[in-house]
Amino acid sequence: MNEKIATVLNEMSAYLSIAQMKKLQEVIVKTFSENELCRQNISNHEFLEMFLTAKQIEGCSERTTKYYRTTVNHLLNYLHEPIRKVTTETMRQYLVDYQKIYCLRLMERWQISISGAVF
C-alpha cells in the first residue's frame, strides 16, 4: 500500500503545493489505512518507512532522510516496544539517556584531542 500512496503523491507533486501535498498524503493515508491499521499490527520499521516516504515527498534531501533514519533507528532500538505504546515519560527518559551518552562521547573525543595536543 505504501508504494501505491507514494506513486499517487509523486504523480500529483507537479500540480500541488507542498502544503497541499501534505494534506493529500494525510487524507490518503487516513482513508486507506483506517481499517487496515485496526486489523494488522504495523511494525516500527514500517512506521519508519512511512515517515521517511513522507519526508521525501515533502522535499527533504537524501542526506536529511538518512539522518532521520539513523536518529529514529536509535530511538527504536532504545524502545524495544511498539511505537504506538510509547508514553511521554518514555520519550523524556530516552532524551535524558541520549544526552548523557552524547555528552560522554563528546568528552571522550575532547580528551583524546587534548591529550594529543602540544602546548
N, C-alpha and C. Protein backbone atom coordinates (compact mmCIF):
# COMPACT_ATOMS: atom_id res chain seq x y z
N MET A 1 0.82 -1.19 0.00
CA MET A 1 0.00 0.00 0.00
C MET A 1 0.87 1.26 0.00
N ASN A 2 2.00 1.23 0.72
CA ASN A 2 2.86 2.42 0.77
C ASN A 2 3.36 2.82 -0.61
N GLU A 3 3.66 1.80 -1.43
CA GLU A 3 4.14 2.11 -2.78
C GLU A 3 3.06 2.81 -3.60
N LYS A 4 1.82 2.36 -3.43
CA LYS A 4 0.71 2.97 -4.18
C LYS A 4 0.48 4.42 -3.73
N ILE A 5 0.56 4.64 -2.43
CA ILE A 5 0.40 6.00 -1.91
C ILE A 5 1.52 6.89 -2.44
N ALA A 6 2.75 6.37 -2.40
CA ALA A 6 3.89 7.13 -2.91
C ALA A 6 3.73 7.44 -4.39
N THR A 7 3.22 6.49 -5.15
CA THR A 7 3.00 6.70 -6.59
C THR A 7 1.99 7.81 -6.83
N VAL A 8 0.88 7.77 -6.12
CA VAL A 8 -0.14 8.82 -6.27
C VAL A 8 0.45 10.18 -5.92
N LEU A 9 1.17 10.24 -4.81
CA LEU A 9 1.74 11.51 -4.38
C LEU A 9 2.79 12.02 -5.36
N ASN A 10 3.61 11.12 -5.88
CA ASN A 10 4.61 11.52 -6.87
C ASN A 10 3.96 12.06 -8.13
N GLU A 11 2.88 11.41 -8.57
CA GLU A 11 2.17 11.86 -9.77
C GLU A 11 1.54 13.24 -9.56
N MET A 12 1.08 13.52 -8.37
CA MET A 12 0.40 14.78 -8.08
C MET A 12 1.36 15.91 -7.72
N SER A 13 2.61 15.58 -7.43
CA SER A 13 3.55 16.59 -6.94
C SER A 13 3.76 17.75 -7.91
N ALA A 14 3.60 17.51 -9.19
CA ALA A 14 3.78 18.58 -10.18
C ALA A 14 2.62 19.57 -10.17
N TYR A 15 1.50 19.18 -9.59
CA TYR A 15 0.30 20.00 -9.64
C TYR A 15 -0.08 20.65 -8.31
N LEU A 16 0.53 20.20 -7.23
CA LEU A 16 0.13 20.68 -5.90
C LEU A 16 1.30 21.33 -5.17
N SER A 17 0.97 22.26 -4.29
CA SER A 17 2.00 22.88 -3.45
C SER A 17 2.40 21.89 -2.36
N ILE A 18 3.45 22.21 -1.62
CA ILE A 18 3.90 21.34 -0.54
C ILE A 18 2.82 21.18 0.51
N ALA A 19 2.15 22.27 0.86
CA ALA A 19 1.07 22.19 1.85
C ALA A 19 -0.07 21.29 1.35
N GLN A 20 -0.41 21.43 0.07
CA GLN A 20 -1.46 20.59 -0.50
C GLN A 20 -1.02 19.12 -0.54
N MET A 21 0.26 18.89 -0.83
CA MET A 21 0.78 17.52 -0.85
C MET A 21 0.69 16.89 0.53
N LYS A 22 1.03 17.66 1.55
CA LYS A 22 0.95 17.14 2.92
C LYS A 22 -0.48 16.75 3.26
N LYS A 23 -1.41 17.62 2.91
CA LYS A 23 -2.82 17.34 3.20
C LYS A 23 -3.31 16.13 2.41
N LEU A 24 -2.93 16.05 1.15
CA LEU A 24 -3.31 14.90 0.33
C LEU A 24 -2.77 13.61 0.95
N GLN A 25 -1.54 13.64 1.38
CA GLN A 25 -0.94 12.46 1.99
C GLN A 25 -1.71 12.06 3.26
N GLU A 26 -2.02 13.04 4.09
CA GLU A 26 -2.78 12.76 5.32
C GLU A 26 -4.11 12.09 5.00
N VAL A 27 -4.82 12.65 4.02
CA VAL A 27 -6.14 12.12 3.67
C VAL A 27 -6.02 10.71 3.09
N ILE A 28 -5.07 10.51 2.19
CA ILE A 28 -4.91 9.18 1.59
C ILE A 28 -4.55 8.15 2.64
N VAL A 29 -3.57 8.46 3.46
CA VAL A 29 -3.13 7.51 4.48
C VAL A 29 -4.27 7.21 5.44
N LYS A 30 -4.97 8.24 5.87
CA LYS A 30 -6.08 8.04 6.81
C LYS A 30 -7.19 7.20 6.18
N THR A 31 -7.54 7.54 4.96
CA THR A 31 -8.64 6.85 4.28
C THR A 31 -8.34 5.39 4.02
N PHE A 32 -7.16 5.12 3.47
CA PHE A 32 -6.85 3.75 3.07
C PHE A 32 -6.32 2.88 4.20
N SER A 33 -5.83 3.49 5.23
CA SER A 33 -5.25 2.66 6.29
C SER A 33 -6.09 2.61 7.55
N GLU A 34 -7.18 3.35 7.59
CA GLU A 34 -8.02 3.39 8.78
C GLU A 34 -8.43 1.99 9.23
N ASN A 35 -9.06 1.26 8.37
CA ASN A 35 -9.49 -0.09 8.71
C ASN A 35 -8.32 -1.05 8.77
N GLU A 36 -7.36 -0.85 7.90
CA GLU A 36 -6.21 -1.75 7.85
C GLU A 36 -5.38 -1.67 9.12
N LEU A 37 -5.23 -0.48 9.68
CA LEU A 37 -4.46 -0.32 10.91
C LEU A 37 -5.07 -1.11 12.05
N CYS A 38 -6.38 -1.16 12.08
CA CYS A 38 -7.07 -1.89 13.14
C CYS A 38 -6.87 -3.39 13.00
N ARG A 39 -6.75 -3.87 11.78
CA ARG A 39 -6.66 -5.31 11.55
C ARG A 39 -5.25 -5.85 11.64
N GLN A 40 -4.26 -5.05 11.37
CA GLN A 40 -2.90 -5.56 11.37
C GLN A 40 -2.02 -4.75 12.30
N ASN A 41 -1.00 -5.41 12.77
CA ASN A 41 -0.01 -4.71 13.58
C ASN A 41 1.07 -4.19 12.65
N ILE A 42 1.26 -2.90 12.67
CA ILE A 42 2.30 -2.29 11.84
C ILE A 42 3.56 -2.21 12.69
N SER A 43 4.64 -2.71 12.14
CA SER A 43 5.90 -2.73 12.88
C SER A 43 6.50 -1.33 12.94
N ASN A 44 7.40 -1.17 13.88
CA ASN A 44 8.11 0.11 14.00
C ASN A 44 8.85 0.42 12.70
N HIS A 45 9.41 -0.62 12.09
CA HIS A 45 10.14 -0.43 10.83
C HIS A 45 9.21 0.11 9.74
N GLU A 46 7.99 -0.42 9.67
CA GLU A 46 7.03 0.06 8.67
C GLU A 46 6.62 1.51 8.93
N PHE A 47 6.44 1.86 10.20
CA PHE A 47 6.14 3.25 10.53
C PHE A 47 7.30 4.16 10.12
N LEU A 48 8.52 3.69 10.36
CA LEU A 48 9.70 4.47 9.97
C LEU A 48 9.71 4.68 8.46
N GLU A 49 9.44 3.63 7.70
CA GLU A 49 9.44 3.76 6.25
C GLU A 49 8.35 4.72 5.77
N MET A 50 7.17 4.68 6.40
CA MET A 50 6.11 5.63 6.03
C MET A 50 6.55 7.06 6.33
N PHE A 51 7.19 7.26 7.47
CA PHE A 51 7.68 8.58 7.86
C PHE A 51 8.71 9.09 6.85
N LEU A 52 9.66 8.23 6.49
CA LEU A 52 10.71 8.63 5.55
C LEU A 52 10.14 8.92 4.16
N THR A 53 9.15 8.15 3.75
CA THR A 53 8.49 8.41 2.47
C THR A 53 7.83 9.78 2.49
N ALA A 54 7.17 10.09 3.60
CA ALA A 54 6.53 11.40 3.73
C ALA A 54 7.56 12.52 3.66
N LYS A 55 8.70 12.32 4.30
CA LYS A 55 9.75 13.34 4.29
C LYS A 55 10.31 13.54 2.88
N GLN A 56 10.47 12.45 2.13
CA GLN A 56 10.95 12.56 0.75
C GLN A 56 9.96 13.33 -0.11
N ILE A 57 8.68 13.03 0.08
CA ILE A 57 7.64 13.71 -0.69
C ILE A 57 7.60 15.19 -0.35
N GLU A 58 7.87 15.52 0.91
CA GLU A 58 7.90 16.92 1.33
C GLU A 58 9.10 17.66 0.75
N GLY A 59 10.04 16.92 0.18
CA GLY A 59 11.18 17.56 -0.46
C GLY A 59 12.47 17.52 0.34
N CYS A 60 12.52 16.73 1.39
CA CYS A 60 13.75 16.62 2.17
C CYS A 60 14.84 15.97 1.32
N SER A 61 16.06 16.40 1.54
CA SER A 61 17.18 15.85 0.78
C SER A 61 17.48 14.42 1.23
N GLU A 62 18.25 13.72 0.42
CA GLU A 62 18.65 12.36 0.76
C GLU A 62 19.47 12.35 2.05
N ARG A 63 20.31 13.35 2.20
CA ARG A 63 21.12 13.45 3.42
C ARG A 63 20.24 13.61 4.66
N THR A 64 19.21 14.44 4.55
CA THR A 64 18.29 14.66 5.67
C THR A 64 17.54 13.39 6.01
N THR A 65 17.04 12.68 4.99
CA THR A 65 16.30 11.44 5.27
C THR A 65 17.22 10.37 5.86
N LYS A 66 18.48 10.35 5.46
CA LYS A 66 19.43 9.41 6.08
C LYS A 66 19.63 9.76 7.55
N TYR A 67 19.73 11.05 7.84
CA TYR A 67 19.86 11.49 9.23
C TYR A 67 18.63 11.08 10.04
N TYR A 68 17.44 11.31 9.47
CA TYR A 68 16.21 10.91 10.15
C TYR A 68 16.20 9.41 10.41
N ARG A 69 16.59 8.63 9.40
CA ARG A 69 16.61 7.17 9.55
C ARG A 69 17.52 6.76 10.71
N THR A 70 18.72 7.31 10.75
CA THR A 70 19.67 6.98 11.81
C THR A 70 19.14 7.38 13.18
N THR A 71 18.64 8.60 13.26
CA THR A 71 18.14 9.12 14.54
C THR A 71 16.95 8.32 15.05
N VAL A 72 15.99 8.05 14.18
CA VAL A 72 14.80 7.30 14.60
C VAL A 72 15.17 5.85 14.92
N ASN A 73 16.11 5.27 14.18
CA ASN A 73 16.55 3.91 14.50
C ASN A 73 17.16 3.83 15.89
N HIS A 74 17.92 4.85 16.29
CA HIS A 74 18.45 4.89 17.66
C HIS A 74 17.31 4.85 18.67
N LEU A 75 16.29 5.64 18.41
CA LEU A 75 15.12 5.66 19.30
C LEU A 75 14.44 4.29 19.33
N LEU A 76 14.21 3.70 18.17
CA LEU A 76 13.51 2.41 18.11
C LEU A 76 14.31 1.31 18.79
N ASN A 77 15.63 1.34 18.65
CA ASN A 77 16.48 0.35 19.33
C ASN A 77 16.41 0.51 20.84
N TYR A 78 16.25 1.72 21.29
CA TYR A 78 16.14 2.01 22.72
C TYR A 78 14.81 1.52 23.27
N LEU A 79 13.76 1.67 22.50
CA LEU A 79 12.40 1.43 23.00
C LEU A 79 12.08 -0.04 23.27
N HIS A 80 12.38 -0.91 22.34
CA HIS A 80 12.03 -2.33 22.46
C HIS A 80 10.53 -2.54 22.66
N GLU A 81 9.72 -1.67 22.10
CA GLU A 81 8.26 -1.81 22.18
C GLU A 81 7.65 -1.10 20.98
N PRO A 82 6.40 -1.41 20.66
CA PRO A 82 5.75 -0.73 19.53
C PRO A 82 5.68 0.78 19.78
N ILE A 83 5.96 1.54 18.74
CA ILE A 83 5.99 3.00 18.85
C ILE A 83 4.63 3.54 19.29
N ARG A 84 3.56 2.83 18.97
CA ARG A 84 2.21 3.27 19.35
C ARG A 84 2.01 3.25 20.86
N LYS A 85 2.84 2.50 21.58
CA LYS A 85 2.68 2.37 23.03
C LYS A 85 3.63 3.28 23.82
N VAL A 86 4.38 4.10 23.12
CA VAL A 86 5.35 4.98 23.77
C VAL A 86 4.62 6.11 24.50
N THR A 87 5.06 6.35 25.71
CA THR A 87 4.47 7.43 26.52
C THR A 87 5.40 8.63 26.54
N THR A 88 4.89 9.73 27.01
CA THR A 88 5.70 10.94 27.15
C THR A 88 6.86 10.67 28.10
N GLU A 89 6.61 9.94 29.16
CA GLU A 89 7.67 9.64 30.13
C GLU A 89 8.78 8.81 29.49
N THR A 90 8.41 7.87 28.65
CA THR A 90 9.42 7.06 27.95
C THR A 90 10.28 7.95 27.06
N MET A 91 9.65 8.87 26.35
CA MET A 91 10.40 9.79 25.48
C MET A 91 11.31 10.69 26.29
N ARG A 92 10.83 11.19 27.41
CA ARG A 92 11.68 12.03 28.27
C ARG A 92 12.91 11.26 28.73
N GLN A 93 12.70 10.01 29.16
CA GLN A 93 13.81 9.20 29.63
C GLN A 93 14.80 8.92 28.50
N TYR A 94 14.28 8.65 27.31
CA TYR A 94 15.15 8.43 26.16
C TYR A 94 16.02 9.66 25.90
N LEU A 95 15.41 10.84 25.92
CA LEU A 95 16.16 12.07 25.66
C LEU A 95 17.22 12.32 26.72
N VAL A 96 16.90 12.03 27.98
CA VAL A 96 17.89 12.17 29.06
C VAL A 96 19.04 11.21 28.83
N ASP A 97 18.72 9.95 28.56
CA ASP A 97 19.76 8.94 28.33
C ASP A 97 20.58 9.28 27.10
N TYR A 98 19.93 9.72 26.04
CA TYR A 98 20.62 10.08 24.80
C TYR A 98 21.60 11.22 25.06
N GLN A 99 21.15 12.21 25.81
CA GLN A 99 22.01 13.35 26.11
C GLN A 99 23.23 12.92 26.92
N LYS A 100 23.03 12.03 27.88
CA LYS A 100 24.16 11.53 28.69
C LYS A 100 25.17 10.82 27.80
N ILE A 101 24.68 9.94 26.94
CA ILE A 101 25.57 9.19 26.05
C ILE A 101 26.29 10.13 25.10
N TYR A 102 25.57 11.07 24.52
CA TYR A 102 26.15 12.02 23.57
C TYR A 102 27.21 12.88 24.24
N CYS A 103 26.92 13.38 25.44
CA CYS A 103 27.88 14.21 26.17
C CYS A 103 29.12 13.40 26.55
N LEU A 104 28.93 12.14 26.93
CA LEU A 104 30.06 11.28 27.27
C LEU A 104 30.96 11.09 26.06
N ARG A 105 30.37 10.86 24.90
CA ARG A 105 31.16 10.69 23.67
C ARG A 105 31.92 11.97 23.34
N LEU A 106 31.28 13.11 23.50
CA LEU A 106 31.96 14.39 23.24
C LEU A 106 33.14 14.59 24.19
N MET A 107 32.92 14.24 25.45
CA MET A 107 34.00 14.37 26.44
C MET A 107 35.17 13.46 26.08
N GLU A 108 34.88 12.23 25.67
CA GLU A 108 35.94 11.31 25.27
C GLU A 108 36.72 11.85 24.08
N ARG A 109 36.02 12.38 23.09
CA ARG A 109 36.69 12.96 21.92
C ARG A 109 37.53 14.17 22.32
N TRP A 110 36.99 14.98 23.20
CA TRP A 110 37.70 16.17 23.66
C TRP A 110 38.97 15.77 24.38
N GLN A 111 38.91 14.76 25.25
CA GLN A 111 40.08 14.30 25.99
C GLN A 111 41.13 13.73 25.05
N ILE A 112 40.70 13.00 24.03
CA ILE A 112 41.64 12.45 23.05
C ILE A 112 42.33 13.57 22.31
N SER A 113 41.58 14.59 21.90
CA SER A 113 42.19 15.69 21.15
C SER A 113 43.11 16.52 22.04
N ILE A 114 42.78 16.67 23.31
CA ILE A 114 43.63 17.41 24.24
C ILE A 114 44.91 16.64 24.52
N SER A 115 44.81 15.33 24.71
CA SER A 115 45.99 14.53 25.04
C SER A 115 46.98 14.50 23.89
N GLY A 116 46.51 14.68 22.67
CA GLY A 116 47.40 14.69 21.51
C GLY A 116 47.93 16.07 21.17
N ALA A 117 47.44 17.09 21.84
CA ALA A 117 47.85 18.47 21.53
C ALA A 117 49.19 18.78 22.18
N VAL A 118 49.96 19.62 21.50
CA VAL A 118 51.25 20.07 22.03
C VAL A 118 51.11 21.53 22.45
N PHE A 119 51.48 21.80 23.69
CA PHE A 119 51.38 23.17 24.20
C PHE A 119 52.73 23.82 24.23
